[in-house]
């Protein structure tokens, strides 16, 4: 029997988005949280996500509200569940407490997948009764639209858990990147952090404004990055000689730029300058909702990418 019921531990921003995605794929979803009124927040998020899920072809018909249930107890939410998506706070001591409560309710062979953005699976496993079934499955916000899932094993993760998690995410249309070992920040956040570090340096040193940094990414390399990553980008940058030509002839220029990259400190003055820059951008947007604009763009971009891949299916 396949996965039919998923327990989501944590009904915040990421848990809400996972809930919408799972419901769109016909799964029964249990969301656990202890925050007052979290049920209304989950329902509202699912309702807002549903038109976008319909637009990209994942959701059919109305929201199946009868497939969505809630609990304030972790063990109760996990009892009888076929898969656990853990979305608790990114603090290791909290993660371990959550795992202990999950294991009090879930069957011993059910995969526990943590949405952590930076913690190590090996650390989350510490003290678990069944560490072999714990993996990191890190999505990119919002998970119901952005297809990336970084699947990361810990030192004690079993091959069966990795295979089961990969099969589950791929069945619901996710693009799985499987790491060979765990490392802080996984892959995508390490790459994002490298870019953000230089973005902070550029603003802190008065080289350009926060708005112009964002515009440089959006209207330049960001357009290419939606279609290919850095290796294929530089392969094309090598012309007829491809990546080999690029590395042999232009690689030294990359190395020279690396030496010039900044290593900024996030002190009070720098943070204040960054916040002021973002506030200016938001003021310039007026009443526009950045999240709604992002999601509308993602819907269109996903449709374009499917067309380029020759695949009309989500």
C-alpha atoms as a PDB file:
ATOM      1  CA  UNK A   1       0.000   0.000   0.000  1.00  0.00           C
ATOM      2  CA  UNK A   2       1.340   3.454  -0.892  1.00  0.00           C
ATOM      3  CA  UNK A   3       1.294   6.696   1.033  1.00  0.00           C
ATOM      4  CA  UNK A   4      -2.249   7.904   1.617  1.00  0.00           C
ATOM      5  CA  UNK A   5      -2.031   9.920   4.838  1.00  0.00           C
ATOM      6  CA  UNK A   6       0.636  12.507   5.664  1.00  0.00           C
ATOM      7  CA  UNK A   7       1.134  14.148   9.044  1.00  0.00           C
ATOM      8  CA  UNK A   8       2.574  17.669   8.974  1.00  0.00           C
ATOM      9  CA  UNK A   9       4.144  18.692  12.256  1.00  0.00           C
ATOM     10  CA  UNK A  10       4.060  22.472  12.386  1.00  0.00           C
ATOM     11  CA  UNK A  11       1.323  24.549  10.778  1.00  0.00           C
ATOM     12  CA  UNK A  12       3.345  27.647   9.949  1.00  0.00           C
ATOM     13  CA  UNK A  13       4.284  29.076   6.556  1.00  0.00           C
ATOM     14  CA  UNK A  14       6.059  25.964   5.232  1.00  0.00           C
ATOM     15  CA  UNK A  15       3.638  23.473   6.767  1.00  0.00           C
ATOM     16  CA  UNK A  16       0.699  25.341   5.245  1.00  0.00           C
ATOM     17  CA  UNK A  17       2.272  25.231   1.785  1.00  0.00           C
ATOM     18  CA  UNK A  18       3.059  21.504   2.109  1.00  0.00           C
ATOM     19  CA  UNK A  19      -0.572  20.942   3.147  1.00  0.00           C
ATOM     20  CA  UNK A  20      -1.868  22.601  -0.038  1.00  0.00           C
ATOM     21  CA  UNK A  21       0.478  20.525  -2.201  1.00  0.00           C
ATOM     22  CA  UNK A  22      -0.387  17.231  -0.514  1.00  0.00           C
ATOM     23  CA  UNK A  23      -4.117  17.927  -0.743  1.00  0.00           C
ATOM     24  CA  UNK A  24      -3.759  18.733  -4.439  1.00  0.00           C
ATOM     25  CA  UNK A  25      -2.351  15.248  -4.941  1.00  0.00           C
ATOM     26  CA  UNK A  26      -5.284  13.545  -3.242  1.00  0.00           C
ATOM     27  CA  UNK A  27      -3.596  12.785   0.065  1.00  0.00           C
ATOM     28  CA  UNK A  28      -5.229  12.880   3.468  1.00  0.00           C
ATOM     29  CA  UNK A  29      -3.436  15.552   5.480  1.00  0.00           C
ATOM     30  CA  UNK A  30      -3.208  15.986   9.245  1.00  0.00           C
ATOM     31  CA  UNK A  31      -1.661  19.225  10.465  1.00  0.00           C
ATOM     32  CA  UNK A  32      -0.395  19.526  14.034  1.00  0.00           C
ATOM     33  CA  UNK A  33       0.369  22.727  15.878  1.00  0.00           C
ATOM     34  CA  UNK A  34      -0.233  24.287  19.285  1.00  0.00           C
ATOM     35  CA  UNK A  35      -0.594  27.917  18.210  1.00  0.00           C
ATOM     36  CA  UNK A  36      -3.988  29.414  18.924  1.00  0.00           C
ATOM     37  CA  UNK A  37      -6.122  29.578  15.769  1.00  0.00           C
ATOM     38  CA  UNK A  38      -3.614  27.734  13.585  1.00  0.00           C
ATOM     39  CA  UNK A  39      -6.438  25.790  11.902  1.00  0.00           C
ATOM     40  CA  UNK A  40      -7.849  28.974  10.361  1.00  0.00           C
ATOM     41  CA  UNK A  41      -4.399  29.958   9.168  1.00  0.00           C
ATOM     42  CA  UNK A  42      -3.907  26.623   7.424  1.00  0.00           C
ATOM     43  CA  UNK A  43      -7.330  26.765   5.761  1.00  0.00           C
ATOM     44  CA  UNK A  44      -6.735  30.324   4.577  1.00  0.00           C
ATOM     45  CA  UNK A  45      -3.319  29.433   3.131  1.00  0.00           C
ATOM     46  CA  UNK A  46      -4.716  26.382   1.317  1.00  0.00           C
ATOM     47  CA  UNK A  47      -7.582  28.414  -0.128  1.00  0.00           C
ATOM     48  CA  UNK A  48      -5.152  31.082  -1.389  1.00  0.00           C
ATOM     49  CA  UNK A  49      -2.796  28.484  -2.882  1.00  0.00           C
ATOM     50  CA  UNK A  50      -5.510  26.472  -4.624  1.00  0.00           C
ATOM     51  CA  UNK A  51      -6.033  28.716  -7.702  1.00  0.00           C
ATOM     52  CA  UNK A  52      -2.297  28.617  -8.385  1.00  0.00           C
ATOM     53  CA  UNK A  53      -2.244  24.835  -8.003  1.00  0.00           C
ATOM     54  CA  UNK A  54      -5.153  24.655 -10.449  1.00  0.00           C
ATOM     55  CA  UNK A  55      -3.327  26.953 -12.873  1.00  0.00           C
ATOM     56  CA  UNK A  56      -0.267  24.672 -12.960  1.00  0.00           C
ATOM     57  CA  UNK A  57      -2.457  21.591 -13.390  1.00  0.00           C
ATOM     58  CA  UNK A  58      -1.895  19.964 -10.002  1.00  0.00           C
ATOM     59  CA  UNK A  59      -5.250  20.647  -8.350  1.00  0.00           C
ATOM     60  CA  UNK A  60      -8.495  19.342  -9.813  1.00  0.00           C
ATOM     61  CA  UNK A  61     -11.839  20.675  -8.659  1.00  0.00           C
ATOM     62  CA  UNK A  62     -12.507  22.273  -5.310  1.00  0.00           C
ATOM     63  CA  UNK A  63     -10.372  21.955  -2.200  1.00  0.00           C
ATOM     64  CA  UNK A  64     -11.063  18.526  -0.615  1.00  0.00           C
ATOM     65  CA  UNK A  65     -11.603  19.949   2.852  1.00  0.00           C
ATOM     66  CA  UNK A  66     -12.728  16.551   4.136  1.00  0.00           C
ATOM     67  CA  UNK A  67      -9.147  15.339   3.554  1.00  0.00           C
ATOM     68  CA  UNK A  68      -7.756  17.937   5.978  1.00  0.00           C
ATOM     69  CA  UNK A  69      -7.748  17.461   9.742  1.00  0.00           C
ATOM     70  CA  UNK A  70      -6.009  19.040  12.712  1.00  0.00           C
ATOM     71  CA  UNK A  71      -4.450  18.071  16.015  1.00  0.00           C
ATOM     72  CA  UNK A  72      -2.618  19.764  18.850  1.00  0.00           C
ATOM     73  CA  UNK A  73      -0.828  16.540  19.815  1.00  0.00           C
ATOM     74  CA  UNK A  74       2.149  15.318  17.799  1.00  0.00           C
ATOM     75  CA  UNK A  75       1.761  11.658  18.719  1.00  0.00           C
ATOM     76  CA  UNK A  76      -1.940  11.673  17.855  1.00  0.00           C
ATOM     77  CA  UNK A  77      -1.320  13.337  14.466  1.00  0.00           C
ATOM     78  CA  UNK A  78       1.301  10.717  13.597  1.00  0.00           C
ATOM     79  CA  UNK A  79      -0.646   7.644  14.664  1.00  0.00           C
ATOM     80  CA  UNK A  80      -1.541   5.698  11.509  1.00  0.00           C
ATOM     81  CA  UNK A  81       0.168   8.223   9.195  1.00  0.00           C
ATOM     82  CA  UNK A  82       2.138   6.844   6.244  1.00  0.00           C
ATOM     83  CA  UNK A  83       4.643   9.728   6.042  1.00  0.00           C
ATOM     84  CA  UNK A  84       5.714  12.498   8.423  1.00  0.00           C
ATOM     85  CA  UNK A  85       6.660  15.982   7.181  1.00  0.00           C
ATOM     86  CA  UNK A  86       8.264  17.747  10.132  1.00  0.00           C
ATOM     87  CA  UNK A  87       8.163  21.567   9.947  1.00  0.00           C
ATOM     88  CA  UNK A  88       8.985  22.636  13.485  1.00  0.00           C
ATOM     89  CA  UNK A  89      11.314  25.477  14.547  1.00  0.00           C
ATOM     90  CA  UNK A  90      14.907  25.240  13.280  1.00  0.00           C
ATOM     91  CA  UNK A  91      16.435  24.665  16.715  1.00  0.00           C
ATOM     92  CA  UNK A  92      18.118  21.330  17.292  1.00  0.00           C
ATOM     93  CA  UNK A  93      16.825  20.800  20.824  1.00  0.00           C
ATOM     94  CA  UNK A  94      13.269  21.415  19.612  1.00  0.00           C
ATOM     95  CA  UNK A  95      13.718  19.072  16.642  1.00  0.00           C
ATOM     96  CA  UNK A  96      14.841  16.264  18.945  1.00  0.00           C
ATOM     97  CA  UNK A  97      11.851  16.802  21.234  1.00  0.00           C
ATOM     98  CA  UNK A  98       9.532  16.694  18.220  1.00  0.00           C
ATOM     99  CA  UNK A  99      11.133  13.478  16.947  1.00  0.00           C
ATOM    100  CA  UNK A 100      10.604  11.846  20.339  1.00  0.00           C
ATOM    101  CA  UNK A 101       6.908  12.748  20.256  1.00  0.00           C
ATOM    102  CA  UNK A 102       6.583  11.594  16.644  1.00  0.00           C
ATOM    103  CA  UNK A 103       8.082   8.243  17.545  1.00  0.00           C
ATOM    104  CA  UNK A 104       5.560   7.893  20.364  1.00  0.00           C
ATOM    105  CA  UNK A 105       2.776   7.818  17.774  1.00  0.00           C
ATOM    106  CA  UNK A 106       4.177   6.756  14.396  1.00  0.00           C
ATOM    107  CA  UNK A 107       4.889   3.222  13.303  1.00  0.00           C
ATOM    108  CA  UNK A 108       8.587   2.301  13.417  1.00  0.00           C
ATOM    109  CA  UNK A 109       9.000   2.118   9.624  1.00  0.00           C
ATOM    110  CA  UNK A 110       7.368   5.449   8.730  1.00  0.00           C
ATOM    111  CA  UNK A 111       9.780   8.010   7.260  1.00  0.00           C
ATOM    112  CA  UNK A 112      10.294  11.223   9.217  1.00  0.00           C
ATOM    113  CA  UNK A 113      11.282  13.981   6.778  1.00  0.00           C
ATOM    114  CA  UNK A 114      12.453  17.279   8.255  1.00  0.00           C
ATOM    115  CA  UNK A 115      11.956  20.541   6.356  1.00  0.00           C
ATOM    116  CA  UNK A 116      14.932  22.118   8.132  1.00  0.00           C
ATOM    117  CA  UNK A 117      16.783  24.729   6.103  1.00  0.00           C
ATOM    118  CA  UNK A 118      20.181  24.285   7.727  1.00  0.00           C
ATOM    119  CA  UNK A 119      20.292  21.683  10.504  1.00  0.00           C
ATOM    120  CA  UNK A 120      22.048  18.362   9.949  1.00  0.00           C
ATOM    121  CA  UNK A 121      20.068  15.145   9.697  1.00  0.00           C
ATOM    122  CA  UNK A 122      22.796  13.477  11.762  1.00  0.00           C
ATOM    123  CA  UNK A 123      22.152  15.909  14.624  1.00  0.00           C
ATOM    124  CA  UNK A 124      18.375  15.507  14.411  1.00  0.00           C
ATOM    125  CA  UNK A 125      18.804  11.715  14.633  1.00  0.00           C
ATOM    126  CA  UNK A 126      20.668  11.858  17.933  1.00  0.00           C
ATOM    127  CA  UNK A 127      18.714   9.988  20.593  1.00  0.00           C
ATOM    128  CA  UNK A 128      16.033   8.720  18.211  1.00  0.00           C
ATOM    129  CA  UNK A 129      14.726   5.187  18.677  1.00  0.00           C
ATOM    130  CA  UNK A 130      14.757   4.628  14.903  1.00  0.00           C
ATOM    131  CA  UNK A 131      17.323   7.059  13.433  1.00  0.00           C
ATOM    132  CA  UNK A 132      17.483   5.077  10.205  1.00  0.00           C
ATOM    133  CA  UNK A 133      14.117   6.493   9.086  1.00  0.00           C
ATOM    134  CA  UNK A 134      15.000  10.174   9.609  1.00  0.00           C
ATOM    135  CA  UNK A 135      15.962  12.287   6.580  1.00  0.00           C
ATOM    136  CA  UNK A 136      16.113  15.971   5.742  1.00  0.00           C
ATOM    137  CA  UNK A 137      13.697  16.946   2.963  1.00  0.00           C
ATOM    138  CA  UNK A 138      14.237  20.659   2.530  1.00  0.00           C
ATOM    139  CA  UNK A 139      11.849  22.520   0.206  1.00  0.00           C
ATOM    140  CA  UNK A 140      12.148  26.025  -1.191  1.00  0.00           C
ATOM    141  CA  UNK A 141       9.451  28.525  -0.280  1.00  0.00           C
ATOM    142  CA  UNK A 142       6.675  28.187  -1.316  1.00  0.00           C
ATOM    143  CA  UNK A 143       6.832  24.356  -1.494  1.00  0.00           C
ATOM    144  CA  UNK A 144       3.489  24.048  -3.297  1.00  0.00           C
ATOM    145  CA  UNK A 145       4.944  25.910  -6.316  1.00  0.00           C
ATOM    146  CA  UNK A 146       8.740  25.626  -6.175  1.00  0.00           C
ATOM    147  CA  UNK A 147       9.471  21.982  -7.035  1.00  0.00           C
ATOM    148  CA  UNK A 148      12.916  21.596  -5.441  1.00  0.00           C
ATOM    149  CA  UNK A 149      13.322  19.163  -2.544  1.00  0.00           C
ATOM    150  CA  UNK A 150      16.805  18.593  -1.160  1.00  0.00           C
ATOM    151  CA  UNK A 151      16.957  15.077   0.241  1.00  0.00           C
ATOM    152  CA  UNK A 152      19.774  14.642   2.743  1.00  0.00           C
ATOM    153  CA  UNK A 153      20.797  11.551   4.749  1.00  0.00           C
ATOM    154  CA  UNK A 154      22.280  11.561   8.218  1.00  0.00           C
ATOM    155  CA  UNK A 155      25.014   9.232   9.384  1.00  0.00           C
ATOM    156  CA  UNK A 156      22.416   6.675  10.464  1.00  0.00           C
ATOM    157  CA  UNK A 157      19.843   7.119   7.696  1.00  0.00           C
ATOM    158  CA  UNK A 158      18.979   3.868   5.931  1.00  0.00           C
ATOM    159  CA  UNK A 159      18.912   3.433   2.169  1.00  0.00           C
ATOM    160  CA  UNK A 160      15.285   2.313   2.402  1.00  0.00           C
ATOM    161  CA  UNK A 161      14.204   5.623   3.961  1.00  0.00           C
ATOM    162  CA  UNK A 162      16.019   7.633   1.300  1.00  0.00           C
ATOM    163  CA  UNK A 163      14.484   5.560  -1.485  1.00  0.00           C
ATOM    164  CA  UNK A 164      10.982   5.801   0.002  1.00  0.00           C
ATOM    165  CA  UNK A 165      11.234   9.563   0.483  1.00  0.00           C
ATOM    166  CA  UNK A 166      12.541  10.104  -3.039  1.00  0.00           C
ATOM    167  CA  UNK A 167       9.755   7.977  -4.534  1.00  0.00           C
ATOM    168  CA  UNK A 168       7.139   9.910  -2.564  1.00  0.00           C
ATOM    169  CA  UNK A 169       8.354  13.374  -3.574  1.00  0.00           C
ATOM    170  CA  UNK A 170       8.848  12.438  -7.196  1.00  0.00           C
ATOM    171  CA  UNK A 171       5.326  10.999  -7.314  1.00  0.00           C
ATOM    172  CA  UNK A 172       3.958  14.423  -6.326  1.00  0.00           C
ATOM    173  CA  UNK A 173       6.014  16.184  -8.979  1.00  0.00           C
ATOM    174  CA  UNK A 174       8.980  17.384  -6.939  1.00  0.00           C
ATOM    175  CA  UNK A 175      12.496  17.742  -8.357  1.00  0.00           C
ATOM    176  CA  UNK A 176      14.658  15.820  -5.902  1.00  0.00           C
ATOM    177  CA  UNK A 177      18.317  16.708  -5.381  1.00  0.00           C
ATOM    178  CA  UNK A 178      19.918  13.945  -3.321  1.00  0.00           C
ATOM    179  CA  UNK A 179      23.002  14.886  -1.323  1.00  0.00           C
ATOM    180  CA  UNK A 180      25.695  12.299  -0.691  1.00  0.00           C
ATOM    181  CA  UNK A 181      26.230  13.517   2.885  1.00  0.00           C
ATOM    182  CA  UNK A 182      24.803  16.148   5.183  1.00  0.00           C
ATOM    183  CA  UNK A 183      26.316  19.622   5.379  1.00  0.00           C
ATOM    184  CA  UNK A 184      25.056  22.842   6.953  1.00  0.00           C
ATOM    185  CA  UNK A 185      22.724  24.646   4.548  1.00  0.00           C
ATOM    186  CA  UNK A 186      22.518  21.701   2.127  1.00  0.00           C
ATOM    187  CA  UNK A 187      23.133  22.817  -1.488  1.00  0.00           C
ATOM    188  CA  UNK A 188      20.626  25.493  -2.511  1.00  0.00           C
ATOM    189  CA  UNK A 189      20.880  27.539   0.682  1.00  0.00           C
ATOM    190  CA  UNK A 190      24.670  27.466   0.532  1.00  0.00           C
ATOM    191  CA  UNK A 191      24.524  28.844  -3.002  1.00  0.00           C
ATOM    192  CA  UNK A 192      21.896  31.407  -1.998  1.00  0.00           C
ATOM    193  CA  UNK A 193      23.961  32.432   1.032  1.00  0.00           C
ATOM    194  CA  UNK A 194      27.048  32.950  -1.106  1.00  0.00           C
ATOM    195  CA  UNK A 195      25.107  35.342  -3.343  1.00  0.00           C
ATOM    196  CA  UNK A 196      23.501  37.119  -0.391  1.00  0.00           C
ATOM    197  CA  UNK A 197      26.861  37.620   1.312  1.00  0.00           C
ATOM    198  CA  UNK A 198      28.099  39.543  -1.714  1.00  0.00           C
ATOM    199  CA  UNK A 199      24.771  41.397  -1.965  1.00  0.00           C
ATOM    200  CA  UNK A 200      25.270  42.571   1.630  1.00  0.00           C
ATOM    201  CA  UNK A 201      28.879  43.557   0.913  1.00  0.00           C
ATOM    202  CA  UNK A 202      27.881  45.628  -2.139  1.00  0.00           C
ATOM    203  CA  UNK A 203      25.287  47.621  -0.163  1.00  0.00           C
ATOM    204  CA  UNK A 204      27.435  47.921   2.990  1.00  0.00           C
ATOM    205  CA  UNK A 205      30.351  49.310   0.952  1.00  0.00           C
ATOM    206  CA  UNK A 206      28.140  51.815  -0.865  1.00  0.00           C
ATOM    207  CA  UNK A 207      28.738  50.234  -4.272  1.00  0.00           C
ATOM    208  CA  UNK A 208      25.041  50.028  -5.181  1.00  0.00           C
ATOM    209  CA  UNK A 209      21.623  50.237  -3.528  1.00  0.00           C
ATOM    210  CA  UNK A 210      19.631  47.227  -2.352  1.00  0.00           C
ATOM    211  CA  UNK A 211      17.127  47.906  -5.124  1.00  0.00           C
ATOM    212  CA  UNK A 212      19.799  47.919  -7.825  1.00  0.00           C
ATOM    213  CA  UNK A 213      21.311  44.709  -6.462  1.00  0.00           C
ATOM    214  CA  UNK A 214      17.907  43.049  -6.758  1.00  0.00           C
ATOM    215  CA  UNK A 215      17.372  44.501 -10.229  1.00  0.00           C
ATOM    216  CA  UNK A 216      20.777  43.259 -11.360  1.00  0.00           C
ATOM    217  CA  UNK A 217      19.841  39.706 -10.331  1.00  0.00           C
ATOM    218  CA  UNK A 218      16.242  39.782 -11.628  1.00  0.00           C
ATOM    219  CA  UNK A 219      17.054  41.220 -15.036  1.00  0.00           C
ATOM    220  CA  UNK A 220      20.393  39.509 -15.547  1.00  0.00           C
ATOM    221  CA  UNK A 221      21.656  36.169 -14.244  1.00  0.00           C
ATOM    222  CA  UNK A 222      18.357  35.366 -12.512  1.00  0.00           C
ATOM    223  CA  UNK A 223      16.664  34.966 -15.897  1.00  0.00           C
ATOM    224  CA  UNK A 224      19.231  32.357 -16.918  1.00  0.00           C
ATOM    225  CA  UNK A 225      19.213  30.607 -13.549  1.00  0.00           C
ATOM    226  CA  UNK A 226      15.541  29.745 -13.981  1.00  0.00           C
ATOM    227  CA  UNK A 227      16.555  27.692 -17.023  1.00  0.00           C
ATOM    228  CA  UNK A 228      19.990  26.293 -16.129  1.00  0.00           C
ATOM    229  CA  UNK A 229      22.466  26.279 -13.292  1.00  0.00           C
ATOM    230  CA  UNK A 230      25.996  27.680 -13.090  1.00  0.00           C
ATOM    231  CA  UNK A 231      27.751  24.797 -14.810  1.00  0.00           C
ATOM    232  CA  UNK A 232      25.631  24.807 -17.967  1.00  0.00           C
ATOM    233  CA  UNK A 233      25.596  28.613 -17.925  1.00  0.00           C
ATOM    234  CA  UNK A 234      29.372  28.738 -18.080  1.00  0.00           C
ATOM    235  CA  UNK A 235      29.423  25.874 -20.583  1.00  0.00           C
ATOM    236  CA  UNK A 236      27.489  28.150 -22.934  1.00  0.00           C
ATOM    237  CA  UNK A 237      29.780  31.000 -21.954  1.00  0.00           C
ATOM    238  CA  UNK A 238      32.638  29.000 -23.430  1.00  0.00           C
ATOM    239  CA  UNK A 239      31.148  29.183 -26.922  1.00  0.00           C
ATOM    240  CA  UNK A 240      32.020  26.365 -29.303  1.00  0.00           C
ATOM    241  CA  UNK A 241      34.659  25.090 -26.897  1.00  0.00           C
ATOM    242  CA  UNK A 242      32.128  24.689 -24.106  1.00  0.00           C
ATOM    243  CA  UNK A 243      32.965  24.402 -20.435  1.00  0.00           C
ATOM    244  CA  UNK A 244      36.551  23.259 -21.068  1.00  0.00           C
ATOM    245  CA  UNK A 245      37.253  26.394 -23.100  1.00  0.00           C
ATOM    246  CA  UNK A 246      35.629  28.583 -20.474  1.00  0.00           C
ATOM    247  CA  UNK A 247      37.701  27.111 -17.647  1.00  0.00           C
ATOM    248  CA  UNK A 248      40.951  27.214 -19.596  1.00  0.00           C
ATOM    249  CA  UNK A 249      40.543  30.757 -20.911  1.00  0.00           C
ATOM    250  CA  UNK A 250      38.183  32.531 -18.505  1.00  0.00           C
ATOM    251  CA  UNK A 251      38.632  30.513 -15.345  1.00  0.00           C
ATOM    252  CA  UNK A 252      41.436  32.840 -14.162  1.00  0.00           C
ATOM    253  CA  UNK A 253      39.065  35.815 -14.329  1.00  0.00           C
ATOM    254  CA  UNK A 254      36.686  33.946 -12.007  1.00  0.00           C
ATOM    255  CA  UNK A 255      39.527  33.304  -9.572  1.00  0.00           C
ATOM    256  CA  UNK A 256      40.455  36.989  -9.676  1.00  0.00           C
ATOM    257  CA  UNK A 257      36.880  37.994  -8.838  1.00  0.00           C
ATOM    258  CA  UNK A 258      36.754  35.525  -5.964  1.00  0.00           C
ATOM    259  CA  UNK A 259      39.662  37.383  -4.343  1.00  0.00           C
ATOM    260  CA  UNK A 260      37.677  40.619  -4.541  1.00  0.00           C
ATOM    261  CA  UNK A 261      34.485  39.244  -2.971  1.00  0.00           C
ATOM    262  CA  UNK A 262      33.532  40.696   0.392  1.00  0.00           C
ATOM    263  CA  UNK A 263      33.234  39.147   3.823  1.00  0.00           C
ATOM    264  CA  UNK A 264      30.804  41.539   5.517  1.00  0.00           C
ATOM    265  CA  UNK A 265      29.901  41.634   9.192  1.00  0.00           C
ATOM    266  CA  UNK A 266      26.218  41.928  10.056  1.00  0.00           C
ATOM    267  CA  UNK A 267      26.704  44.648  12.629  1.00  0.00           C
ATOM    268  CA  UNK A 268      23.948  47.080  13.695  1.00  0.00           C
ATOM    269  CA  UNK A 269      24.935  49.759  11.167  1.00  0.00           C
ATOM    270  CA  UNK A 270      25.022  47.309   8.268  1.00  0.00           C
ATOM    271  CA  UNK A 271      21.720  45.715   9.251  1.00  0.00           C
ATOM    272  CA  UNK A 272      20.073  49.134   9.541  1.00  0.00           C
ATOM    273  CA  UNK A 273      21.344  50.065   6.080  1.00  0.00           C
ATOM    274  CA  UNK A 274      19.999  46.835   4.571  1.00  0.00           C
ATOM    275  CA  UNK A 275      16.600  47.237   6.222  1.00  0.00           C
ATOM    276  CA  UNK A 276      16.344  50.819   4.986  1.00  0.00           C
ATOM    277  CA  UNK A 277      17.103  49.644   1.464  1.00  0.00           C
ATOM    278  CA  UNK A 278      14.386  46.990   1.561  1.00  0.00           C
ATOM    279  CA  UNK A 279      11.905  49.448   3.077  1.00  0.00           C
ATOM    280  CA  UNK A 280      12.556  51.821   0.164  1.00  0.00           C
ATOM    281  CA  UNK A 281      11.845  49.040  -2.324  1.00  0.00           C
ATOM    282  CA  UNK A 282       8.599  48.139  -0.567  1.00  0.00           C
ATOM    283  CA  UNK A 283       7.479  51.779  -0.522  1.00  0.00           C
ATOM    284  CA  UNK A 284       8.097  51.956  -4.252  1.00  0.00           C
ATOM    285  CA  UNK A 285       5.802  48.969  -4.782  1.00  0.00           C
ATOM    286  CA  UNK A 286       2.846  50.778  -3.266  1.00  0.00           C
ATOM    287  CA  UNK A 287      -0.032  48.435  -2.460  1.00  0.00           C
ATOM    288  CA  UNK A 288       1.376  45.540  -4.506  1.00  0.00           C
ATOM    289  CA  UNK A 289       1.712  42.245  -2.623  1.00  0.00           C
ATOM    290  CA  UNK A 290       5.240  40.871  -3.190  1.00  0.00           C
ATOM    291  CA  UNK A 291       4.179  37.310  -2.339  1.00  0.00           C
ATOM    292  CA  UNK A 292       1.228  37.378  -4.740  1.00  0.00           C
ATOM    293  CA  UNK A 293       3.448  38.835  -7.473  1.00  0.00           C
ATOM    294  CA  UNK A 294       6.035  36.125  -6.840  1.00  0.00           C
ATOM    295  CA  UNK A 295       3.472  33.333  -6.948  1.00  0.00           C
ATOM    296  CA  UNK A 296       1.861  34.634 -10.149  1.00  0.00           C
ATOM    297  CA  UNK A 297       5.296  34.767 -11.737  1.00  0.00           C
ATOM    298  CA  UNK A 298       6.116  31.254 -10.571  1.00  0.00           C
ATOM    299  CA  UNK A 299       2.905  29.925 -12.132  1.00  0.00           C
ATOM    300  CA  UNK A 300       3.808  31.462 -15.480  1.00  0.00           C
ATOM    301  CA  UNK A 301       7.427  30.351 -15.248  1.00  0.00           C
ATOM    302  CA  UNK A 302       6.473  26.763 -14.422  1.00  0.00           C
ATOM    303  CA  UNK A 303       4.190  26.678 -17.469  1.00  0.00           C
ATOM    304  CA  UNK A 304       6.992  28.049 -19.661  1.00  0.00           C
ATOM    305  CA  UNK A 305       9.511  25.496 -18.363  1.00  0.00           C
ATOM    306  CA  UNK A 306       7.071  22.640 -18.977  1.00  0.00           C
ATOM    307  CA  UNK A 307       6.637  23.868 -22.539  1.00  0.00           C
ATOM    308  CA  UNK A 308      10.398  24.052 -23.101  1.00  0.00           C
ATOM    309  CA  UNK A 309      10.759  20.524 -21.757  1.00  0.00           C
ATOM    310  CA  UNK A 310       8.019  19.309 -24.086  1.00  0.00           C
ATOM    311  CA  UNK A 311       5.909  18.202 -21.130  1.00  0.00           C
ATOM    312  CA  UNK A 312       2.364  19.470 -20.754  1.00  0.00           C
ATOM    313  CA  UNK A 313       1.914  17.648 -17.474  1.00  0.00           C
ATOM    314  CA  UNK A 314       2.727  19.216 -14.068  1.00  0.00           C
END
